[in-house]
PDB file of N, CA and C in Angstrom:
ATOM      1  N   MET A   1      37.235 -58.138  30.120  1.00  0.00           N
ATOM      2  CA  MET A   1      36.510 -56.963  30.569  1.00  0.00           C
ATOM      3  C   MET A   1      36.261 -56.049  29.372  1.00  0.00           C
ATOM      4  N   SER A   2      35.085 -55.532  29.267  1.00  0.00           N
ATOM      5  CA  SER A   2      34.700 -54.648  28.180  1.00  0.00           C
ATOM      6  C   SER A   2      35.001 -53.203  28.567  1.00  0.00           C
ATOM      7  N   HIS A   3      35.445 -52.442  27.578  1.00  0.00           N
ATOM      8  CA  HIS A   3      35.702 -51.027  27.801  1.00  0.00           C
ATOM      9  C   HIS A   3      34.895 -50.211  26.800  1.00  0.00           C
ATOM     10  N   ASP A   4      34.494 -49.030  27.216  1.00  0.00           N
ATOM     11  CA  ASP A   4      33.629 -48.180  26.408  1.00  0.00           C
ATOM     12  C   ASP A   4      34.403 -47.039  25.774  1.00  0.00           C
ATOM     13  N   ARG A   5      33.789 -46.439  24.746  1.00  0.00           N
ATOM     14  CA  ARG A   5      34.345 -45.246  24.128  1.00  0.00           C
ATOM     15  C   ARG A   5      34.522 -44.191  25.212  1.00  0.00           C
ATOM     16  N   GLY A   6      35.707 -43.620  25.264  1.00  0.00           N
ATOM     17  CA  GLY A   6      36.007 -42.622  26.289  1.00  0.00           C
ATOM     18  C   GLY A   6      36.797 -43.159  27.460  1.00  0.00           C
ATOM     19  N   ASP A   7      36.856 -44.487  27.604  1.00  0.00           N
ATOM     20  CA  ASP A   7      37.662 -45.077  28.670  1.00  0.00           C
ATOM     21  C   ASP A   7      39.146 -44.877  28.365  1.00  0.00           C
ATOM     22  N   VAL A   8      39.931 -44.682  29.404  1.00  0.00           N
ATOM     23  CA  VAL A   8      41.386 -44.637  29.284  1.00  0.00           C
ATOM     24  C   VAL A   8      41.903 -45.914  29.933  1.00  0.00           C
ATOM     25  N   VAL A   9      42.625 -46.717  29.139  1.00  0.00           N
ATOM     26  CA  VAL A   9      43.112 -48.015  29.592  1.00  0.00           C
ATOM     27  C   VAL A   9      44.625 -48.086  29.427  1.00  0.00           C
ATOM     28  N   TRP A  10      45.268 -48.929  30.209  1.00  0.00           N
ATOM     29  CA  TRP A  10      46.717 -49.162  30.097  1.00  0.00           C
ATOM     30  C   TRP A  10      46.970 -50.419  29.301  1.00  0.00           C
ATOM     31  N   SER A  11      47.908 -50.305  28.356  1.00  0.00           N
ATOM     32  CA  SER A  11      48.310 -51.451  27.547  1.00  0.00           C
ATOM     33  C   SER A  11      49.726 -51.227  27.044  1.00  0.00           C
ATOM     34  N   ASP A  12      50.274 -52.245  26.370  1.00  0.00           N
ATOM     35  CA  ASP A  12      51.608 -52.143  25.786  1.00  0.00           C
ATOM     36  C   ASP A  12      51.716 -50.933  24.883  1.00  0.00           C
ATOM     37  N   ASP A  13      52.947 -50.445  24.705  1.00  0.00           N
ATOM     38  CA  ASP A  13      53.212 -49.336  23.801  1.00  0.00           C
ATOM     39  C   ASP A  13      54.072 -49.838  22.640  1.00  0.00           C
ATOM     40  N   PRO A  14      53.487 -50.014  21.459  1.00  0.00           N
ATOM     41  CA  PRO A  14      54.263 -50.526  20.329  1.00  0.00           C
ATOM     42  C   PRO A  14      55.269 -49.516  19.781  1.00  0.00           C
ATOM     43  N   PHE A  15      55.196 -48.260  20.245  1.00  0.00           N
ATOM     44  CA  PHE A  15      56.078 -47.215  19.752  1.00  0.00           C
ATOM     45  C   PHE A  15      57.372 -47.103  20.547  1.00  0.00           C
ATOM     46  N   LYS A  16      57.462 -47.805  21.670  1.00  0.00           N
ATOM     47  CA  LYS A  16      58.655 -47.739  22.520  1.00  0.00           C
ATOM     48  C   LYS A  16      59.066 -49.141  22.939  1.00  0.00           C
ATOM     49  N   ASP A  17      60.358 -49.359  23.050  1.00  0.00           N
ATOM     50  CA  ASP A  17      60.878 -50.644  23.505  1.00  0.00           C
ATOM     51  C   ASP A  17      60.987 -50.674  25.026  1.00  0.00           C
ATOM     52  N   GLY A  18      60.601 -51.790  25.613  1.00  0.00           N
ATOM     53  CA  GLY A  18      60.831 -52.038  27.027  1.00  0.00           C
ATOM     54  C   GLY A  18      60.082 -51.154  27.996  1.00  0.00           C
ATOM     55  N   THR A  19      58.975 -50.575  27.581  1.00  0.00           N
ATOM     56  CA  THR A  19      58.223 -49.744  28.519  1.00  0.00           C
ATOM     57  C   THR A  19      57.181 -50.593  29.247  1.00  0.00           C
ATOM     58  N   ALA A  20      56.680 -50.042  30.306  1.00  0.00           N
ATOM     59  CA  ALA A  20      55.637 -50.719  31.072  1.00  0.00           C
ATOM     60  C   ALA A  20      54.264 -50.419  30.503  1.00  0.00           C
ATOM     61  N   GLY A  21      54.218 -49.849  29.327  1.00  0.00           N
ATOM     62  CA  GLY A  21      52.948 -49.505  28.708  1.00  0.00           C
ATOM     63  C   GLY A  21      52.654 -48.030  28.829  1.00  0.00           C
ATOM     64  N   ARG A  22      51.461 -47.687  28.419  1.00  0.00           N
ATOM     65  CA  ARG A  22      51.019 -46.294  28.477  1.00  0.00           C
ATOM     66  C   ARG A  22      49.498 -46.273  28.477  1.00  0.00           C
ATOM     67  N   PRO A  23      48.910 -45.119  28.819  1.00  0.00           N
ATOM     68  CA  PRO A  23      47.460 -45.007  28.745  1.00  0.00           C
ATOM     69  C   PRO A  23      47.005 -44.768  27.302  1.00  0.00           C
ATOM     70  N   TRP A  24      45.859 -45.366  26.975  1.00  0.00           N
ATOM     71  CA  TRP A  24      45.257 -45.272  25.643  1.00  0.00           C
ATOM     72  C   TRP A  24      43.804 -44.853  25.790  1.00  0.00           C
ATOM     73  N   LEU A  25      43.383 -43.910  24.949  1.00  0.00           N
ATOM     74  CA  LEU A  25      41.988 -43.466  24.927  1.00  0.00           C
ATOM     75  C   LEU A  25      41.231 -44.314  23.918  1.00  0.00           C
ATOM     76  N   VAL A  26      40.225 -45.033  24.379  1.00  0.00           N
ATOM     77  CA  VAL A  26      39.403 -45.878  23.507  1.00  0.00           C
ATOM     78  C   VAL A  26      38.460 -44.979  22.704  1.00  0.00           C
ATOM     79  N   LEU A  27      38.531 -45.113  21.363  1.00  0.00           N
ATOM     80  CA  LEU A  27      37.684 -44.303  20.481  1.00  0.00           C
ATOM     81  C   LEU A  27      36.532 -45.077  19.865  1.00  0.00           C
ATOM     82  N   ASN A  28      36.666 -46.393  19.774  1.00  0.00           N
ATOM     83  CA  ASN A  28      35.606 -47.155  19.116  1.00  0.00           C
ATOM     84  C   ASN A  28      34.360 -47.275  19.994  1.00  0.00           C
ATOM     85  N   ASP A  29      33.251 -47.536  19.331  1.00  0.00           N
ATOM     86  CA  ASP A  29      32.013 -47.811  20.048  1.00  0.00           C
ATOM     87  C   ASP A  29      31.677 -49.292  19.871  1.00  0.00           C
ATOM     88  N   ASP A  30      30.473 -49.676  20.167  1.00  0.00           N
ATOM     89  CA  ASP A  30      30.125 -51.097  20.117  1.00  0.00           C
ATOM     90  C   ASP A  30      29.910 -51.626  18.703  1.00  0.00           C
ATOM     91  N   THR A  31      30.108 -50.781  17.681  1.00  0.00           N
ATOM     92  CA  THR A  31      30.005 -51.269  16.301  1.00  0.00           C
ATOM     93  C   THR A  31      31.340 -51.804  15.777  1.00  0.00           C
ATOM     94  N   HIS A  32      32.399 -51.711  16.558  1.00  0.00           N
ATOM     95  CA  HIS A  32      33.716 -52.228  16.143  1.00  0.00           C
ATOM     96  C   HIS A  32      33.568 -53.700  15.767  1.00  0.00           C
ATOM     97  N   PRO A  33      34.037 -54.109  14.575  1.00  0.00           N
ATOM     98  CA  PRO A  33      33.818 -55.495  14.135  1.00  0.00           C
ATOM     99  C   PRO A  33      34.506 -56.552  14.993  1.00  0.00           C
ATOM    100  N   PHE A  34      35.543 -56.171  15.730  1.00  0.00           N
ATOM    101  CA  PHE A  34      36.228 -57.117  16.607  1.00  0.00           C
ATOM    102  C   PHE A  34      36.247 -56.585  18.035  1.00  0.00           C
ATOM    103  N   GLY A  35      35.187 -55.885  18.407  1.00  0.00           N
ATOM    104  CA  GLY A  35      35.104 -55.236  19.701  1.00  0.00           C
ATOM    105  C   GLY A  35      35.254 -56.146  20.899  1.00  0.00           C
ATOM    106  N   ASP A  36      34.984 -57.428  20.708  1.00  0.00           N
ATOM    107  CA  ASP A  36      35.163 -58.354  21.830  1.00  0.00           C
ATOM    108  C   ASP A  36      36.620 -58.792  21.968  1.00  0.00           C
ATOM    109  N   GLU A  37      37.494 -58.374  21.020  1.00  0.00           N
ATOM    110  CA  GLU A  37      38.900 -58.784  21.039  1.00  0.00           C
ATOM    111  C   GLU A  37      39.887 -57.627  21.157  1.00  0.00           C
ATOM    112  N   GLN A  38      39.528 -56.454  20.635  1.00  0.00           N
ATOM    113  CA  GLN A  38      40.480 -55.347  20.631  1.00  0.00           C
ATOM    114  C   GLN A  38      39.760 -54.009  20.623  1.00  0.00           C
ATOM    115  N   HIS A  39      40.547 -52.953  20.847  1.00  0.00           N
ATOM    116  CA  HIS A  39      40.051 -51.582  20.835  1.00  0.00           C
ATOM    117  C   HIS A  39      40.691 -50.815  19.695  1.00  0.00           C
ATOM    118  N   MET A  40      40.094 -49.703  19.337  1.00  0.00           N
ATOM    119  CA  MET A  40      40.722 -48.713  18.478  1.00  0.00           C
ATOM    120  C   MET A  40      41.007 -47.539  19.400  1.00  0.00           C
ATOM    121  N   ALA A  41      42.295 -47.199  19.564  1.00  0.00           N
ATOM    122  CA  ALA A  41      42.662 -46.228  20.588  1.00  0.00           C
ATOM    123  C   ALA A  41      43.788 -45.311  20.120  1.00  0.00           C
ATOM    124  N   VAL A  42      43.953 -44.205  20.823  1.00  0.00           N
ATOM    125  CA  VAL A  42      45.066 -43.294  20.593  1.00  0.00           C
ATOM    126  C   VAL A  42      45.781 -43.060  21.922  1.00  0.00           C
ATOM    127  N   ALA A  43      47.059 -42.713  21.814  1.00  0.00           N
ATOM    128  CA  ALA A  43      47.914 -42.586  22.985  1.00  0.00           C
ATOM    129  C   ALA A  43      47.649 -41.318  23.784  1.00  0.00           C
ATOM    130  N   LEU A  44      47.890 -41.430  25.082  1.00  0.00           N
ATOM    131  CA  LEU A  44      48.002 -40.276  25.969  1.00  0.00           C
ATOM    132  C   LEU A  44      49.477 -40.116  26.285  1.00  0.00           C
ATOM    133  N   SER A  45      49.903 -38.884  26.534  1.00  0.00           N
ATOM    134  CA  SER A  45      51.304 -38.597  26.809  1.00  0.00           C
ATOM    135  C   SER A  45      51.410 -37.419  27.760  1.00  0.00           C
ATOM    136  N   THR A  46      52.539 -37.313  28.432  1.00  0.00           N
ATOM    137  CA  THR A  46      52.806 -36.117  29.238  1.00  0.00           C
ATOM    138  C   THR A  46      53.583 -35.090  28.422  1.00  0.00           C
ATOM    139  N   SER A  47      53.948 -35.439  27.181  1.00  0.00           N
ATOM    140  CA  SER A  47      54.643 -34.514  26.281  1.00  0.00           C
ATOM    141  C   SER A  47      53.613 -33.717  25.491  1.00  0.00           C
ATOM    142  N   GLY A  48      53.690 -32.410  25.591  1.00  0.00           N
ATOM    143  CA  GLY A  48      52.732 -31.546  24.913  1.00  0.00           C
ATOM    144  C   GLY A  48      53.189 -31.150  23.524  1.00  0.00           C
ATOM    145  N   HIS A  49      53.239 -32.106  22.613  1.00  0.00           N
ATOM    146  CA  HIS A  49      53.592 -31.807  21.226  1.00  0.00           C
ATOM    147  C   HIS A  49      52.649 -30.748  20.672  1.00  0.00           C
ATOM    148  N   ASP A  50      53.091 -30.049  19.626  1.00  0.00           N
ATOM    149  CA  ASP A  50      52.294 -28.955  19.062  1.00  0.00           C
ATOM    150  C   ASP A  50      50.860 -29.363  18.718  1.00  0.00           C
ATOM    151  N   ALA A  51      50.679 -30.536  18.123  1.00  0.00           N
ATOM    152  CA  ALA A  51      49.344 -30.957  17.682  1.00  0.00           C
ATOM    153  C   ALA A  51      48.597 -31.776  18.739  1.00  0.00           C
ATOM    154  N   ALA A  52      49.197 -31.948  19.902  1.00  0.00           N
ATOM    155  CA  ALA A  52      48.553 -32.718  20.970  1.00  0.00           C
ATOM    156  C   ALA A  52      47.380 -31.936  21.557  1.00  0.00           C
ATOM    157  N   LEU A  53      46.384 -32.664  22.023  1.00  0.00           N
ATOM    158  CA  LEU A  53      45.213 -32.040  22.650  1.00  0.00           C
ATOM    159  C   LEU A  53      45.365 -32.100  24.171  1.00  0.00           C
ATOM    160  N   PRO A  54      45.447 -30.951  24.830  1.00  0.00           N
ATOM    161  CA  PRO A  54      45.581 -30.971  26.291  1.00  0.00           C
ATOM    162  C   PRO A  54      44.324 -31.523  26.959  1.00  0.00           C
ATOM    163  N   ILE A  55      44.528 -32.315  27.984  1.00  0.00           N
ATOM    164  CA  ILE A  55      43.411 -32.839  28.776  1.00  0.00           C
ATOM    165  C   ILE A  55      43.301 -31.970  30.021  1.00  0.00           C
ATOM    166  N   ARG A  56      42.188 -31.279  30.138  1.00  0.00           N
ATOM    167  CA  ARG A  56      41.942 -30.452  31.315  1.00  0.00           C
ATOM    168  C   ARG A  56      41.409 -31.337  32.443  1.00  0.00           C
ATOM    169  N   GLU A  57      41.555 -30.880  33.637  1.00  0.00           N
ATOM    170  CA  GLU A  57      41.073 -31.646  34.786  1.00  0.00           C
ATOM    171  C   GLU A  57      39.579 -31.940  34.672  1.00  0.00           C
ATOM    172  N   ASP A  58      38.802 -30.973  34.154  1.00  0.00           N
ATOM    173  CA  ASP A  58      37.362 -31.196  34.044  1.00  0.00           C
ATOM    174  C   ASP A  58      36.974 -32.068  32.851  1.00  0.00           C
ATOM    175  N   ASP A  59      37.953 -32.470  32.014  1.00  0.00           N
ATOM    176  CA  ASP A  59      37.688 -33.447  30.950  1.00  0.00           C
ATOM    177  C   ASP A  59      37.532 -34.856  31.517  1.00  0.00           C
ATOM    178  N   TRP A  60      38.051 -35.066  32.718  1.00  0.00           N
ATOM    179  CA  TRP A  60      37.947 -36.381  33.351  1.00  0.00           C
ATOM    180  C   TRP A  60      36.587 -36.526  34.027  1.00  0.00           C
ATOM    181  N   VAL A  61      35.796 -37.460  33.550  1.00  0.00           N
ATOM    182  CA  VAL A  61      34.519 -37.782  34.180  1.00  0.00           C
ATOM    183  C   VAL A  61      34.785 -38.657  35.403  1.00  0.00           C
ATOM    184  N   GLU A  62      35.829 -39.476  35.262  1.00  0.00           N
ATOM    185  CA  GLU A  62      36.229 -40.408  36.314  1.00  0.00           C
ATOM    186  C   GLU A  62      37.725 -40.648  36.163  1.00  0.00           C
ATOM    187  N   GLY A  63      38.438 -40.789  37.274  1.00  0.00           N
ATOM    188  CA  GLY A  63      39.871 -41.057  37.233  1.00  0.00           C
ATOM    189  C   GLY A  63      40.675 -39.804  36.952  1.00  0.00           C
ATOM    190  N   GLY A  64      41.854 -39.994  36.357  1.00  0.00           N
ATOM    191  CA  GLY A  64      42.723 -38.869  36.056  1.00  0.00           C
ATOM    192  C   GLY A  64      44.155 -39.333  35.874  1.00  0.00           C
ATOM    193  N   THR A  65      45.046 -38.359  35.760  1.00  0.00           N
ATOM    194  CA  THR A  65      46.472 -38.647  35.627  1.00  0.00           C
ATOM    195  C   THR A  65      47.230 -37.823  36.660  1.00  0.00           C
ATOM    196  N   PRO A  66      48.361 -38.334  37.139  1.00  0.00           N
ATOM    197  CA  PRO A  66      49.117 -37.595  38.147  1.00  0.00           C
ATOM    198  C   PRO A  66      49.837 -36.369  37.585  1.00  0.00           C
ATOM    199  N   LYS A  67      50.080 -36.356  36.261  1.00  0.00           N
ATOM    200  CA  LYS A  67      50.751 -35.235  35.612  1.00  0.00           C
ATOM    201  C   LYS A  67      49.870 -34.689  34.495  1.00  0.00           C
ATOM    202  N   ARG A  68      50.125 -33.455  34.095  1.00  0.00           N
ATOM    203  CA  ARG A  68      49.425 -32.858  32.951  1.00  0.00           C
ATOM    204  C   ARG A  68      49.588 -33.793  31.759  1.00  0.00           C
ATOM    205  N   SER A  69      48.485 -34.136  31.105  1.00  0.00           N
ATOM    206  CA  SER A  69      48.531 -35.097  30.004  1.00  0.00           C
ATOM    207  C   SER A  69      47.852 -34.549  28.761  1.00  0.00           C
ATOM    208  N   TYR A  70      48.156 -35.200  27.648  1.00  0.00           N
ATOM    209  CA  TYR A  70      47.676 -34.793  26.335  1.00  0.00           C
ATOM    210  C   TYR A  70      47.247 -36.024  25.556  1.00  0.00           C
ATOM    211  N   VAL A  71      46.285 -35.833  24.652  1.00  0.00           N
ATOM    212  CA  VAL A  71      45.889 -36.888  23.728  1.00  0.00           C
ATOM    213  C   VAL A  71      46.676 -36.673  22.434  1.00  0.00           C
ATOM    214  N   LEU A  72      47.208 -37.759  21.873  1.00  0.00           N
ATOM    215  CA  LEU A  72      47.955 -37.718  20.617  1.00  0.00           C
ATOM    216  C   LEU A  72      47.090 -38.363  19.531  1.00  0.00           C
ATOM    217  N   PRO A  73      46.273 -37.586  18.814  1.00  0.00           N
ATOM    218  CA  PRO A  73      45.318 -38.165  17.863  1.00  0.00           C
ATOM    219  C   PRO A  73      45.956 -38.956  16.730  1.00  0.00           C
ATOM    220  N   TRP A  74      47.216 -38.727  16.439  1.00  0.00           N
ATOM    221  CA  TRP A  74      47.903 -39.427  15.352  1.00  0.00           C
ATOM    222  C   TRP A  74      48.528 -40.746  15.801  1.00  0.00           C
ATOM    223  N   ALA A  75      48.613 -40.988  17.090  1.00  0.00           N
ATOM    224  CA  ALA A  75      49.281 -42.181  17.632  1.00  0.00           C
ATOM    225  C   ALA A  75      48.243 -43.290  17.844  1.00  0.00           C
ATOM    226  N   ILE A  76      47.888 -43.960  16.756  1.00  0.00           N
ATOM    227  CA  ILE A  76      46.824 -44.962  16.760  1.00  0.00           C
ATOM    228  C   ILE A  76      47.379 -46.340  17.112  1.00  0.00           C
ATOM    229  N   HIS A  77      46.583 -47.095  17.847  1.00  0.00           N
ATOM    230  CA  HIS A  77      46.955 -48.460  18.245  1.00  0.00           C
ATOM    231  C   HIS A  77      45.663 -49.262  18.413  1.00  0.00           C
ATOM    232  N   SER A  78      45.766 -50.558  18.222  1.00  0.00           N
ATOM    233  CA  SER A  78      44.622 -51.453  18.465  1.00  0.00           C
ATOM    234  C   SER A  78      44.988 -52.453  19.552  1.00  0.00           C
ATOM    235  N   PRO A  79      45.020 -51.994  20.797  1.00  0.00           N
ATOM    236  CA  PRO A  79      45.380 -52.917  21.869  1.00  0.00           C
ATOM    237  C   PRO A  79      44.350 -54.040  22.011  1.00  0.00           C
ATOM    238  N   ARG A  80      44.863 -55.229  22.189  1.00  0.00           N
ATOM    239  CA  ARG A  80      43.979 -56.367  22.436  1.00  0.00           C
ATOM    240  C   ARG A  80      43.449 -56.261  23.861  1.00  0.00           C
ATOM    241  N   ARG A  81      42.198 -56.638  24.031  1.00  0.00           N
ATOM    242  CA  ARG A  81      41.596 -56.596  25.374  1.00  0.00           C
ATOM    243  C   ARG A  81      42.420 -57.404  26.372  1.00  0.00           C
ATOM    244  N   ALA A  82      42.993 -58.510  25.911  1.00  0.00           N
ATOM    245  CA  ALA A  82      43.785 -59.357  26.796  1.00  0.00           C
ATOM    246  C   ALA A  82      45.050 -58.653  27.289  1.00  0.00           C
ATOM    247  N   ASP A  83      45.517 -57.630  26.559  1.00  0.00           N
ATOM    248  CA  ASP A  83      46.733 -56.911  26.929  1.00  0.00           C
ATOM    249  C   ASP A  83      46.471 -55.677  27.794  1.00  0.00           C
ATOM    250  N   VAL A  84      45.217 -55.339  27.987  1.00  0.00           N
ATOM    251  CA  VAL A  84      44.877 -54.198  28.843  1.00  0.00           C
ATOM    252  C   VAL A  84      45.063 -54.620  30.295  1.00  0.00           C
ATOM    253  N   THR A  85      45.914 -53.863  31.014  1.00  0.00           N
ATOM    254  CA  THR A  85      46.186 -54.224  32.407  1.00  0.00           C
ATOM    255  C   THR A  85      45.178 -53.622  33.380  1.00  0.00           C
ATOM    256  N   HIS A  86      44.706 -52.395  33.072  1.00  0.00           N
ATOM    257  CA  HIS A  86      43.691 -51.787  33.934  1.00  0.00           C
ATOM    258  C   HIS A  86      43.071 -50.577  33.257  1.00  0.00           C
ATOM    259  N   ARG A  87      41.962 -50.149  33.807  1.00  0.00           N
ATOM    260  CA  ARG A  87      41.251 -48.953  33.346  1.00  0.00           C
ATOM    261  C   ARG A  87      41.646 -47.813  34.271  1.00  0.00           C
ATOM    262  N   GLN A  88      42.056 -46.691  33.683  1.00  0.00           N
ATOM    263  CA  GLN A  88      42.512 -45.550  34.470  1.00  0.00           C
ATOM    264  C   GLN A  88      41.408 -44.537  34.726  1.00  0.00           C
ATOM    265  N   GLY A  89      40.418 -44.514  33.856  1.00  0.00           N
ATOM    266  CA  GLY A  89      39.340 -43.551  34.033  1.00  0.00           C
ATOM    267  C   GLY A  89      38.523 -43.404  32.773  1.00  0.00           C
ATOM    268  N   HIS A  90      37.788 -42.303  32.715  1.00  0.00           N
ATOM    269  CA  HIS A  90      36.897 -42.061  31.579  1.00  0.00           C
ATOM    270  C   HIS A  90      36.906 -40.566  31.272  1.00  0.00           C
ATOM    271  N   LEU A  91      37.044 -40.231  29.973  1.00  0.00           N
ATOM    272  CA  LEU A  91      37.045 -38.838  29.533  1.00  0.00           C
ATOM    273  C   LEU A  91      35.677 -38.435  28.994  1.00  0.00           C
ATOM    274  N   ALA A  92      35.389 -37.146  29.085  1.00  0.00           N
ATOM    275  CA  ALA A  92      34.117 -36.581  28.628  1.00  0.00           C
ATOM    276  C   ALA A  92      33.972 -36.714  27.117  1.00  0.00           C
ATOM    277  N   ASP A  93      32.725 -36.806  26.678  1.00  0.00           N
ATOM    278  CA  ASP A  93      32.424 -36.945  25.249  1.00  0.00           C
ATOM    279  C   ASP A  93      33.058 -35.842  24.414  1.00  0.00           C
ATOM    280  N   ALA A  94      33.107 -34.621  24.916  1.00  0.00           N
ATOM    281  CA  ALA A  94      33.610 -33.491  24.126  1.00  0.00           C
ATOM    282  C   ALA A  94      35.059 -33.707  23.691  1.00  0.00           C
ATOM    283  N   ILE A  95      35.929 -34.142  24.593  1.00  0.00           N
ATOM    284  CA  ILE A  95      37.328 -34.335  24.206  1.00  0.00           C
ATOM    285  C   ILE A  95      37.500 -35.605  23.371  1.00  0.00           C
ATOM    286  N   VAL A  96      36.676 -36.607  23.626  1.00  0.00           N
ATOM    287  CA  VAL A  96      36.722 -37.829  22.814  1.00  0.00           C
ATOM    288  C   VAL A  96      36.304 -37.520  21.384  1.00  0.00           C
ATOM    289  N   ASP A  97      35.220 -36.768  21.225  1.00  0.00           N
ATOM    290  CA  ASP A  97      34.754 -36.380  19.887  1.00  0.00           C
ATOM    291  C   ASP A  97      35.784 -35.508  19.176  1.00  0.00           C
ATOM    292  N   ARG A  98      36.381 -34.566  19.907  1.00  0.00           N
ATOM    293  CA  ARG A  98      37.405 -33.698  19.301  1.00  0.00           C
ATOM    294  C   ARG A  98      38.605 -34.520  18.853  1.00  0.00           C
ATOM    295  N   THR A  99      38.987 -35.502  19.641  1.00  0.00           N
ATOM    296  CA  THR A  99      40.103 -36.383  19.277  1.00  0.00           C
ATOM    297  C   THR A  99      39.793 -37.128  17.985  1.00  0.00           C
ATOM    298  N   ALA A 100      38.595 -37.684  17.894  1.00  0.00           N
ATOM    299  CA  ALA A 100      38.202 -38.413  16.677  1.00  0.00           C
ATOM    300  C   ALA A 100      38.189 -37.484  15.471  1.00  0.00           C
ATOM    301  N   GLU A 101      37.721 -36.268  15.651  1.00  0.00           N
ATOM    302  CA  GLU A 101      37.715 -35.293  14.556  1.00  0.00           C
ATOM    303  C   GLU A 101      39.136 -34.950  14.110  1.00  0.00           C
ATOM    304  N   GLU A 102      40.044 -34.770  15.057  1.00  0.00           N
ATOM    305  CA  GLU A 102      41.446 -34.491  14.720  1.00  0.00           C
ATOM    306  C   GLU A 102      42.077 -35.675  13.991  1.00  0.00           C
ATOM    307  N   LEU A 103      41.799 -36.880  14.453  1.00  0.00           N
ATOM    308  CA  LEU A 103      42.315 -38.081  13.793  1.00  0.00           C
ATOM    309  C   LEU A 103      41.867 -38.104  12.339  1.00  0.00           C
ATOM    310  N   LEU A 104      40.615 -37.792  12.081  1.00  0.00           N
ATOM    311  CA  LEU A 104      40.092 -37.793  10.718  1.00  0.00           C
ATOM    312  C   LEU A 104      40.839 -36.827   9.809  1.00  0.00           C
ATOM    313  N   THR A 105      41.319 -35.712  10.363  1.00  0.00           N
ATOM    314  CA  THR A 105      42.043 -34.756   9.522  1.00  0.00           C
ATOM    315  C   THR A 105      43.339 -35.349   8.984  1.00  0.00           C
ATOM    316  N   TYR A 106      43.873 -36.354   9.664  1.00  0.00           N
ATOM    317  CA  TYR A 106      45.109 -37.003   9.226  1.00  0.00           C
ATOM    318  C   TYR A 106      44.871 -38.094   8.203  1.00  0.00           C
ATOM    319  N   ILE A 107      43.634 -38.583   8.112  1.00  0.00           N
ATOM    320  CA  ILE A 107      43.390 -39.740   7.238  1.00  0.00           C
ATOM    321  C   ILE A 107      42.331 -39.509   6.181  1.00  0.00           C
ATOM    322  N   GLU A 108      41.647 -38.380   6.195  1.00  0.00           N
ATOM    323  CA  GLU A 108      40.618 -38.106   5.199  1.00  0.00           C
ATOM    324  C   GLU A 108      41.243 -37.939   3.814  1.00  0.00           C
ATOM    325  N   PRO A 109      40.729 -38.643   2.818  1.00  0.00           N
ATOM    326  CA  PRO A 109      41.233 -38.452   1.457  1.00  0.00           C
ATOM    327  C   PRO A 109      40.946 -37.032   0.981  1.00  0.00           C
ATOM    328  N   GLY A 110      41.931 -36.426   0.363  1.00  0.00           N
ATOM    329  CA  GLY A 110      41.754 -35.095  -0.207  1.00  0.00           C
ATOM    330  C   GLY A 110      41.638 -33.979   0.796  1.00  0.00           C
ATOM    331  N   ALA A 111      41.923 -34.270   2.054  1.00  0.00           N
ATOM    332  CA  ALA A 111      41.806 -33.221   3.081  1.00  0.00           C
ATOM    333  C   ALA A 111      42.982 -32.277   3.043  1.00  0.00           C
TER     334      ALA A 111
END
């Protein structure tokens, strides 16, 4: 199944042992060189770390989360499409773009 930029999908969590996975925000578009095999994504969490981006209810175009959630722009993962268990919803372009911009601040040379 193909997923689009802005989709929130469930997959394994490489940052924790023995979890049932976590939601991931897909950031890549259809130019990803291995887009038919994996995603470029960042974690969602219910922990509101200082640098986390809060997800407002109106940020959800479709779906949602049962608890207040946040995007963690620094928590990057490339889940394989085969490991995605389901799609949870879709976030608005504004928060997806802001997430990508925040991620860039962590990896831009000389920033």
